[in-house]
């Protein structure tokens, strides 16, 4: 067994249907973990992420949950916390974004983004994390953002939520580290996924972004796999409350 081996572990990945979540689930499976994938529109069987996980020789279970629905999130937390086989790794990747100038950003958009990207993350982690604390070990990984550090443009709700995720990561780490539970986050840079399609399709924004990235390219979802496995593994046992940028050097520019 190596420091990065996840054989026998059970990982929950939210927002697992596509993009970064799918890549995270695949990487965890390839490192040996069985996976429970959660997403609002996840197929009960035959999904791409299920095929990825089973191709790696691991088991996969699909759970459909709408993170905009607090009652559904509460039920998911109770489900996962009450299982005979406990969750070893929780990857909080589910999220949404609304792009509108701040002066026109509606209450509905603000409330939706804060619920999905921050409040639901806390509610689920509180339920699953309590069991980890009682057991004396576990790994929690949030998906933060470059907008956990910066302000962005036309995404005030998303920026507020992702700043909140960075703070929540540290707050939970402070309480749970003494109980053997690691709470950390990855902060993806500009990754070529559906979530950033509007930016990719805007010639001036896309050009400006690319010119700022020292690595000279947009990231791919697979670029998040290694960081996720690292933070989920025994190799990161003494890492608590950190937000790890995976950004092609953007923040160092």
C-alpha atoms as a PDB file:
ATOM      1  CA  UNK A   1       0.000   0.000   0.000  1.00  0.00           C
ATOM      2  CA  UNK A   2       1.319   3.422  -0.976  1.00  0.00           C
ATOM      3  CA  UNK A   3       0.563   6.800   0.567  1.00  0.00           C
ATOM      4  CA  UNK A   4      -1.795   7.527  -2.336  1.00  0.00           C
ATOM      5  CA  UNK A   5      -3.681   4.218  -2.260  1.00  0.00           C
ATOM      6  CA  UNK A   6      -7.427   4.510  -1.602  1.00  0.00           C
ATOM      7  CA  UNK A   7      -8.251   0.809  -1.854  1.00  0.00           C
ATOM      8  CA  UNK A   8     -11.278  -0.081   0.247  1.00  0.00           C
ATOM      9  CA  UNK A   9     -12.329   3.528   0.817  1.00  0.00           C
ATOM     10  CA  UNK A  10     -15.810   4.847   0.048  1.00  0.00           C
ATOM     11  CA  UNK A  11     -15.945   8.265  -1.606  1.00  0.00           C
ATOM     12  CA  UNK A  12     -18.972  10.473  -2.149  1.00  0.00           C
ATOM     13  CA  UNK A  13     -18.620  12.973  -4.988  1.00  0.00           C
ATOM     14  CA  UNK A  14     -21.330  15.582  -5.467  1.00  0.00           C
ATOM     15  CA  UNK A  15     -21.814  17.229  -8.833  1.00  0.00           C
ATOM     16  CA  UNK A  16     -20.406  14.009 -10.260  1.00  0.00           C
ATOM     17  CA  UNK A  17     -22.335  13.786 -13.518  1.00  0.00           C
ATOM     18  CA  UNK A  18     -19.922  15.757 -15.689  1.00  0.00           C
ATOM     19  CA  UNK A  19     -16.978  18.122 -15.784  1.00  0.00           C
ATOM     20  CA  UNK A  20     -14.765  18.420 -12.729  1.00  0.00           C
ATOM     21  CA  UNK A  21     -16.917  16.123 -10.576  1.00  0.00           C
ATOM     22  CA  UNK A  22     -16.779  13.315 -13.094  1.00  0.00           C
ATOM     23  CA  UNK A  23     -12.988  13.678 -13.350  1.00  0.00           C
ATOM     24  CA  UNK A  24     -12.645  13.637  -9.565  1.00  0.00           C
ATOM     25  CA  UNK A  25     -14.775  10.500  -9.275  1.00  0.00           C
ATOM     26  CA  UNK A  26     -12.757   8.774 -11.973  1.00  0.00           C
ATOM     27  CA  UNK A  27      -9.438   9.677 -10.324  1.00  0.00           C
ATOM     28  CA  UNK A  28     -10.606   8.436  -6.926  1.00  0.00           C
ATOM     29  CA  UNK A  29     -11.780   5.155  -8.463  1.00  0.00           C
ATOM     30  CA  UNK A  30      -8.498   4.692 -10.278  1.00  0.00           C
ATOM     31  CA  UNK A  31      -6.766   5.139  -6.895  1.00  0.00           C
ATOM     32  CA  UNK A  32      -8.927   2.339  -5.470  1.00  0.00           C
ATOM     33  CA  UNK A  33     -12.024   3.991  -3.991  1.00  0.00           C
ATOM     34  CA  UNK A  34     -15.613   2.906  -4.473  1.00  0.00           C
ATOM     35  CA  UNK A  35     -17.786   5.868  -5.421  1.00  0.00           C
ATOM     36  CA  UNK A  36     -21.229   7.218  -4.668  1.00  0.00           C
ATOM     37  CA  UNK A  37     -22.004   9.858  -7.281  1.00  0.00           C
ATOM     38  CA  UNK A  38     -24.550  12.562  -6.509  1.00  0.00           C
ATOM     39  CA  UNK A  39     -26.043  15.068  -8.932  1.00  0.00           C
ATOM     40  CA  UNK A  40     -29.365  16.747  -9.642  1.00  0.00           C
ATOM     41  CA  UNK A  41     -29.769  15.033 -13.002  1.00  0.00           C
ATOM     42  CA  UNK A  42     -27.658  11.910 -12.564  1.00  0.00           C
ATOM     43  CA  UNK A  43     -28.957   8.873 -14.423  1.00  0.00           C
ATOM     44  CA  UNK A  44     -29.879   5.955 -12.172  1.00  0.00           C
ATOM     45  CA  UNK A  45     -27.688   3.705 -14.321  1.00  0.00           C
ATOM     46  CA  UNK A  46     -25.509   3.917 -17.401  1.00  0.00           C
ATOM     47  CA  UNK A  47     -24.063   7.381 -16.748  1.00  0.00           C
ATOM     48  CA  UNK A  48     -20.647   8.349 -18.062  1.00  0.00           C
ATOM     49  CA  UNK A  49     -19.282   8.655 -14.535  1.00  0.00           C
ATOM     50  CA  UNK A  50     -20.589   5.206 -13.645  1.00  0.00           C
ATOM     51  CA  UNK A  51     -18.797   3.786 -16.685  1.00  0.00           C
ATOM     52  CA  UNK A  52     -15.586   5.535 -15.623  1.00  0.00           C
ATOM     53  CA  UNK A  53     -15.732   4.124 -12.095  1.00  0.00           C
ATOM     54  CA  UNK A  54     -16.647   0.572 -13.065  1.00  0.00           C
ATOM     55  CA  UNK A  55     -13.964   0.586 -15.764  1.00  0.00           C
ATOM     56  CA  UNK A  56     -11.486   1.169 -12.939  1.00  0.00           C
ATOM     57  CA  UNK A  57     -12.814  -1.962 -11.223  1.00  0.00           C
ATOM     58  CA  UNK A  58     -14.675  -0.149  -8.447  1.00  0.00           C
ATOM     59  CA  UNK A  59     -18.344  -0.065  -7.461  1.00  0.00           C
ATOM     60  CA  UNK A  60     -20.617   2.889  -8.226  1.00  0.00           C
ATOM     61  CA  UNK A  61     -23.924   4.039  -6.799  1.00  0.00           C
ATOM     62  CA  UNK A  62     -25.964   6.913  -8.213  1.00  0.00           C
ATOM     63  CA  UNK A  63     -28.038   9.246  -6.035  1.00  0.00           C
ATOM     64  CA  UNK A  64     -30.091  12.041  -7.567  1.00  0.00           C
ATOM     65  CA  UNK A  65     -30.319  15.104  -5.316  1.00  0.00           C
ATOM     66  CA  UNK A  66     -31.269  18.688  -6.120  1.00  0.00           C
ATOM     67  CA  UNK A  67     -28.966  20.865  -4.022  1.00  0.00           C
ATOM     68  CA  UNK A  68     -31.358  23.785  -4.440  1.00  0.00           C
ATOM     69  CA  UNK A  69     -33.817  21.865  -2.225  1.00  0.00           C
ATOM     70  CA  UNK A  70     -32.819  22.052   1.467  1.00  0.00           C
ATOM     71  CA  UNK A  71     -35.061  19.123   2.390  1.00  0.00           C
ATOM     72  CA  UNK A  72     -33.450  16.934  -0.277  1.00  0.00           C
ATOM     73  CA  UNK A  73     -29.985  17.851   0.986  1.00  0.00           C
ATOM     74  CA  UNK A  74     -31.031  17.037   4.548  1.00  0.00           C
ATOM     75  CA  UNK A  75     -32.343  13.650   3.423  1.00  0.00           C
ATOM     76  CA  UNK A  76     -29.107  12.943   1.553  1.00  0.00           C
ATOM     77  CA  UNK A  77     -27.077  13.741   4.678  1.00  0.00           C
ATOM     78  CA  UNK A  78     -29.222  11.417   6.795  1.00  0.00           C
ATOM     79  CA  UNK A  79     -28.929   8.675   4.175  1.00  0.00           C
ATOM     80  CA  UNK A  80     -25.144   8.854   3.982  1.00  0.00           C
ATOM     81  CA  UNK A  81     -24.619   9.304   7.727  1.00  0.00           C
ATOM     82  CA  UNK A  82     -26.837   6.348   8.586  1.00  0.00           C
ATOM     83  CA  UNK A  83     -25.212   3.736   6.376  1.00  0.00           C
ATOM     84  CA  UNK A  84     -23.580   0.603   7.673  1.00  0.00           C
ATOM     85  CA  UNK A  85     -20.585   1.282   5.434  1.00  0.00           C
ATOM     86  CA  UNK A  86     -19.341   4.712   6.451  1.00  0.00           C
ATOM     87  CA  UNK A  87     -18.188   7.422   4.072  1.00  0.00           C
ATOM     88  CA  UNK A  88     -14.405   7.830   4.145  1.00  0.00           C
ATOM     89  CA  UNK A  89     -14.101  10.684   1.632  1.00  0.00           C
ATOM     90  CA  UNK A  90     -16.610  13.465   0.943  1.00  0.00           C
ATOM     91  CA  UNK A  91     -15.978  15.627  -2.116  1.00  0.00           C
ATOM     92  CA  UNK A  92     -18.271  18.664  -2.116  1.00  0.00           C
ATOM     93  CA  UNK A  93     -18.187  19.630  -5.768  1.00  0.00           C
ATOM     94  CA  UNK A  94     -21.829  20.398  -6.625  1.00  0.00           C
ATOM     95  CA  UNK A  95     -22.363  23.985  -7.701  1.00  0.00           C
ATOM     96  CA  UNK A  96     -24.105  26.462  -9.945  1.00  0.00           C
ATOM     97  CA  UNK A  97     -23.398  29.942 -11.269  1.00  0.00           C
ATOM     98  CA  UNK A  98     -25.479  32.899 -12.441  1.00  0.00           C
ATOM     99  CA  UNK A  99     -23.868  35.633 -14.527  1.00  0.00           C
ATOM    100  CA  UNK A 100     -25.538  39.047 -14.244  1.00  0.00           C
ATOM    101  CA  UNK A 101     -24.115  42.517 -13.544  1.00  0.00           C
ATOM    102  CA  UNK A 102     -24.319  43.190  -9.814  1.00  0.00           C
ATOM    103  CA  UNK A 103     -26.819  46.059 -10.183  1.00  0.00           C
ATOM    104  CA  UNK A 104     -29.161  43.640 -11.976  1.00  0.00           C
ATOM    105  CA  UNK A 105     -28.416  40.506  -9.949  1.00  0.00           C
ATOM    106  CA  UNK A 106     -31.787  39.291  -8.700  1.00  0.00           C
ATOM    107  CA  UNK A 107     -32.636  38.111  -5.207  1.00  0.00           C
ATOM    108  CA  UNK A 108     -33.660  34.771  -6.730  1.00  0.00           C
ATOM    109  CA  UNK A 109     -30.276  34.245  -8.399  1.00  0.00           C
ATOM    110  CA  UNK A 110     -28.449  35.281  -5.235  1.00  0.00           C
ATOM    111  CA  UNK A 111     -30.497  32.915  -3.073  1.00  0.00           C
ATOM    112  CA  UNK A 112     -30.130  29.998  -5.477  1.00  0.00           C
ATOM    113  CA  UNK A 113     -26.356  30.284  -5.763  1.00  0.00           C
ATOM    114  CA  UNK A 114     -25.833  30.703  -2.015  1.00  0.00           C
ATOM    115  CA  UNK A 115     -28.068  27.699  -1.299  1.00  0.00           C
ATOM    116  CA  UNK A 116     -26.416  25.364  -3.817  1.00  0.00           C
ATOM    117  CA  UNK A 117     -22.826  26.541  -3.484  1.00  0.00           C
ATOM    118  CA  UNK A 118     -22.577  27.196   0.264  1.00  0.00           C
ATOM    119  CA  UNK A 119     -25.552  26.336   2.462  1.00  0.00           C
ATOM    120  CA  UNK A 120     -26.088  22.870   0.995  1.00  0.00           C
ATOM    121  CA  UNK A 121     -22.350  22.185   1.271  1.00  0.00           C
ATOM    122  CA  UNK A 122     -22.420  22.934   4.981  1.00  0.00           C
ATOM    123  CA  UNK A 123     -25.584  20.930   5.642  1.00  0.00           C
ATOM    124  CA  UNK A 124     -24.248  17.822   3.913  1.00  0.00           C
ATOM    125  CA  UNK A 125     -20.794  18.108   5.471  1.00  0.00           C
ATOM    126  CA  UNK A 126     -22.270  18.612   8.928  1.00  0.00           C
ATOM    127  CA  UNK A 127     -24.167  15.306   8.640  1.00  0.00           C
ATOM    128  CA  UNK A 128     -21.391  13.211   7.099  1.00  0.00           C
ATOM    129  CA  UNK A 129     -18.611  14.937   9.047  1.00  0.00           C
ATOM    130  CA  UNK A 130     -20.241  14.187  12.381  1.00  0.00           C
ATOM    131  CA  UNK A 131     -19.840  10.472  11.682  1.00  0.00           C
ATOM    132  CA  UNK A 132     -16.230  10.992  10.592  1.00  0.00           C
ATOM    133  CA  UNK A 133     -15.498  12.836  13.842  1.00  0.00           C
ATOM    134  CA  UNK A 134     -17.083  10.045  15.869  1.00  0.00           C
ATOM    135  CA  UNK A 135     -14.987   7.440  14.004  1.00  0.00           C
ATOM    136  CA  UNK A 136     -11.790   9.440  14.347  1.00  0.00           C
ATOM    137  CA  UNK A 137     -10.923   9.742  10.667  1.00  0.00           C
ATOM    138  CA  UNK A 138     -12.189  11.003   7.331  1.00  0.00           C
ATOM    139  CA  UNK A 139     -11.405  13.334   4.449  1.00  0.00           C
ATOM    140  CA  UNK A 140     -13.531  16.275   3.324  1.00  0.00           C
ATOM    141  CA  UNK A 141     -12.645  18.129   0.133  1.00  0.00           C
ATOM    142  CA  UNK A 142     -14.509  21.218  -1.047  1.00  0.00           C
ATOM    143  CA  UNK A 143     -14.338  22.669  -4.549  1.00  0.00           C
ATOM    144  CA  UNK A 144     -13.425  26.311  -4.019  1.00  0.00           C
ATOM    145  CA  UNK A 145     -12.503  28.669  -6.882  1.00  0.00           C
ATOM    146  CA  UNK A 146     -10.151  31.413  -7.970  1.00  0.00           C
ATOM    147  CA  UNK A 147     -13.103  33.526  -6.843  1.00  0.00           C
ATOM    148  CA  UNK A 148     -12.386  32.367  -3.307  1.00  0.00           C
ATOM    149  CA  UNK A 149      -9.498  34.844  -3.644  1.00  0.00           C
ATOM    150  CA  UNK A 150     -10.695  37.367  -6.229  1.00  0.00           C
ATOM    151  CA  UNK A 151     -13.887  39.253  -7.029  1.00  0.00           C
ATOM    152  CA  UNK A 152     -14.658  38.214 -10.562  1.00  0.00           C
ATOM    153  CA  UNK A 153     -17.034  40.049 -12.897  1.00  0.00           C
ATOM    154  CA  UNK A 154     -20.844  39.718 -13.003  1.00  0.00           C
ATOM    155  CA  UNK A 155     -20.891  36.820 -10.497  1.00  0.00           C
ATOM    156  CA  UNK A 156     -21.443  38.439  -7.063  1.00  0.00           C
ATOM    157  CA  UNK A 157     -23.400  35.506  -5.607  1.00  0.00           C
ATOM    158  CA  UNK A 158     -20.887  32.932  -6.821  1.00  0.00           C
ATOM    159  CA  UNK A 159     -17.968  34.973  -5.507  1.00  0.00           C
ATOM    160  CA  UNK A 160     -19.601  35.380  -2.105  1.00  0.00           C
ATOM    161  CA  UNK A 161     -20.336  31.645  -1.929  1.00  0.00           C
ATOM    162  CA  UNK A 162     -16.817  30.628  -2.934  1.00  0.00           C
ATOM    163  CA  UNK A 163     -15.262  33.017  -0.416  1.00  0.00           C
ATOM    164  CA  UNK A 164     -17.571  31.325   2.081  1.00  0.00           C
ATOM    165  CA  UNK A 165     -16.310  27.888   1.064  1.00  0.00           C
ATOM    166  CA  UNK A 166     -12.717  28.965   1.765  1.00  0.00           C
ATOM    167  CA  UNK A 167     -13.744  30.176   5.208  1.00  0.00           C
ATOM    168  CA  UNK A 168     -15.830  27.101   5.930  1.00  0.00           C
ATOM    169  CA  UNK A 169     -12.884  24.878   4.997  1.00  0.00           C
ATOM    170  CA  UNK A 170     -10.747  26.567   7.636  1.00  0.00           C
ATOM    171  CA  UNK A 171     -13.501  26.697  10.260  1.00  0.00           C
ATOM    172  CA  UNK A 172     -14.272  22.979  10.001  1.00  0.00           C
ATOM    173  CA  UNK A 173     -10.581  22.080   9.913  1.00  0.00           C
ATOM    174  CA  UNK A 174     -10.025  23.943  13.169  1.00  0.00           C
ATOM    175  CA  UNK A 175     -12.715  21.901  14.908  1.00  0.00           C
ATOM    176  CA  UNK A 176     -12.221  18.522  13.287  1.00  0.00           C
ATOM    177  CA  UNK A 177      -8.448  18.208  12.873  1.00  0.00           C
ATOM    178  CA  UNK A 178      -8.044  17.079  16.520  1.00  0.00           C
ATOM    179  CA  UNK A 179     -10.427  14.219  15.698  1.00  0.00           C
ATOM    180  CA  UNK A 180      -8.448  12.927  12.733  1.00  0.00           C
ATOM    181  CA  UNK A 181     -10.653  14.477  10.047  1.00  0.00           C
ATOM    182  CA  UNK A 182      -8.933  16.452   7.287  1.00  0.00           C
ATOM    183  CA  UNK A 183     -10.900  19.316   5.733  1.00  0.00           C
ATOM    184  CA  UNK A 184      -9.324  20.982   2.704  1.00  0.00           C
ATOM    185  CA  UNK A 185     -10.323  22.455  -0.649  1.00  0.00           C
ATOM    186  CA  UNK A 186      -9.116  22.594  -4.211  1.00  0.00           C
ATOM    187  CA  UNK A 187      -9.477  25.845  -6.125  1.00  0.00           C
ATOM    188  CA  UNK A 188      -9.756  25.184  -9.855  1.00  0.00           C
ATOM    189  CA  UNK A 189      -8.474  27.834 -12.198  1.00  0.00           C
ATOM    190  CA  UNK A 190     -10.067  28.447 -15.568  1.00  0.00           C
ATOM    191  CA  UNK A 191     -11.139  24.943 -16.556  1.00  0.00           C
ATOM    192  CA  UNK A 192     -12.708  24.187 -19.936  1.00  0.00           C
ATOM    193  CA  UNK A 193     -16.093  22.821 -18.825  1.00  0.00           C
ATOM    194  CA  UNK A 194     -19.771  23.650 -19.396  1.00  0.00           C
ATOM    195  CA  UNK A 195     -19.583  25.999 -16.409  1.00  0.00           C
ATOM    196  CA  UNK A 196     -17.113  28.270 -18.211  1.00  0.00           C
ATOM    197  CA  UNK A 197     -18.570  27.924 -21.713  1.00  0.00           C
ATOM    198  CA  UNK A 198     -19.758  31.549 -21.739  1.00  0.00           C
ATOM    199  CA  UNK A 199     -16.204  32.720 -21.068  1.00  0.00           C
ATOM    200  CA  UNK A 200     -14.708  30.389 -23.658  1.00  0.00           C
ATOM    201  CA  UNK A 201     -17.193  31.680 -26.244  1.00  0.00           C
ATOM    202  CA  UNK A 202     -16.365  35.346 -25.560  1.00  0.00           C
ATOM    203  CA  UNK A 203     -13.317  36.070 -27.767  1.00  0.00           C
ATOM    204  CA  UNK A 204     -12.057  39.051 -25.767  1.00  0.00           C
ATOM    205  CA  UNK A 205     -12.564  37.450 -22.330  1.00  0.00           C
ATOM    206  CA  UNK A 206     -11.096  34.135 -23.462  1.00  0.00           C
ATOM    207  CA  UNK A 207      -8.028  35.865 -24.933  1.00  0.00           C
ATOM    208  CA  UNK A 208      -7.496  37.947 -21.792  1.00  0.00           C
ATOM    209  CA  UNK A 209      -7.797  34.886 -19.559  1.00  0.00           C
ATOM    210  CA  UNK A 210      -5.391  32.812 -21.639  1.00  0.00           C
ATOM    211  CA  UNK A 211      -2.796  35.573 -21.689  1.00  0.00           C
ATOM    212  CA  UNK A 212      -2.855  35.677 -17.874  1.00  0.00           C
ATOM    213  CA  UNK A 213      -2.271  31.918 -17.371  1.00  0.00           C
ATOM    214  CA  UNK A 214       1.482  31.129 -17.186  1.00  0.00           C
ATOM    215  CA  UNK A 215       0.858  27.527 -18.263  1.00  0.00           C
ATOM    216  CA  UNK A 216      -0.504  28.915 -21.526  1.00  0.00           C
ATOM    217  CA  UNK A 217      -3.718  26.901 -21.684  1.00  0.00           C
ATOM    218  CA  UNK A 218      -7.109  26.472 -20.104  1.00  0.00           C
ATOM    219  CA  UNK A 219      -7.173  23.637 -17.613  1.00  0.00           C
ATOM    220  CA  UNK A 220      -8.953  20.359 -18.211  1.00  0.00           C
ATOM    221  CA  UNK A 221     -11.182  18.616 -15.693  1.00  0.00           C
ATOM    222  CA  UNK A 222      -8.590  15.855 -15.415  1.00  0.00           C
ATOM    223  CA  UNK A 223      -6.101  18.388 -14.053  1.00  0.00           C
ATOM    224  CA  UNK A 224      -8.077  18.268 -10.778  1.00  0.00           C
ATOM    225  CA  UNK A 225      -7.725  14.494 -10.368  1.00  0.00           C
ATOM    226  CA  UNK A 226      -4.271  14.385  -8.810  1.00  0.00           C
ATOM    227  CA  UNK A 227      -4.992  17.102  -6.256  1.00  0.00           C
ATOM    228  CA  UNK A 228      -8.207  15.351  -5.255  1.00  0.00           C
ATOM    229  CA  UNK A 229      -6.535  11.976  -4.772  1.00  0.00           C
ATOM    230  CA  UNK A 230      -3.709  13.614  -2.826  1.00  0.00           C
ATOM    231  CA  UNK A 231      -6.032  15.376  -0.380  1.00  0.00           C
ATOM    232  CA  UNK A 232      -8.125  12.203   0.002  1.00  0.00           C
ATOM    233  CA  UNK A 233      -5.105  10.019   0.715  1.00  0.00           C
ATOM    234  CA  UNK A 234      -2.863   9.258   3.714  1.00  0.00           C
ATOM    235  CA  UNK A 235      -0.224  11.424   2.012  1.00  0.00           C
ATOM    236  CA  UNK A 236      -2.222  14.465   3.173  1.00  0.00           C
ATOM    237  CA  UNK A 237      -2.815  13.359   6.760  1.00  0.00           C
ATOM    238  CA  UNK A 238      -1.073  16.453   8.186  1.00  0.00           C
ATOM    239  CA  UNK A 239      -2.735  18.926   5.828  1.00  0.00           C
ATOM    240  CA  UNK A 240      -5.685  20.767   7.369  1.00  0.00           C
ATOM    241  CA  UNK A 241      -7.613  23.869   6.334  1.00  0.00           C
ATOM    242  CA  UNK A 242      -5.750  24.575   3.114  1.00  0.00           C
ATOM    243  CA  UNK A 243      -7.149  25.767  -0.202  1.00  0.00           C
ATOM    244  CA  UNK A 244      -4.984  24.302  -2.973  1.00  0.00           C
ATOM    245  CA  UNK A 245      -5.084  26.235  -6.265  1.00  0.00           C
ATOM    246  CA  UNK A 246      -4.940  24.160  -9.450  1.00  0.00           C
ATOM    247  CA  UNK A 247      -4.781  27.105 -11.798  1.00  0.00           C
ATOM    248  CA  UNK A 248      -1.873  26.897 -14.234  1.00  0.00           C
ATOM    249  CA  UNK A 249      -0.108  29.603 -12.222  1.00  0.00           C
ATOM    250  CA  UNK A 250      -2.896  32.234 -12.439  1.00  0.00           C
ATOM    251  CA  UNK A 251      -2.614  33.384  -8.822  1.00  0.00           C
ATOM    252  CA  UNK A 252       1.157  33.623  -9.034  1.00  0.00           C
ATOM    253  CA  UNK A 253       1.011  35.997 -11.994  1.00  0.00           C
END
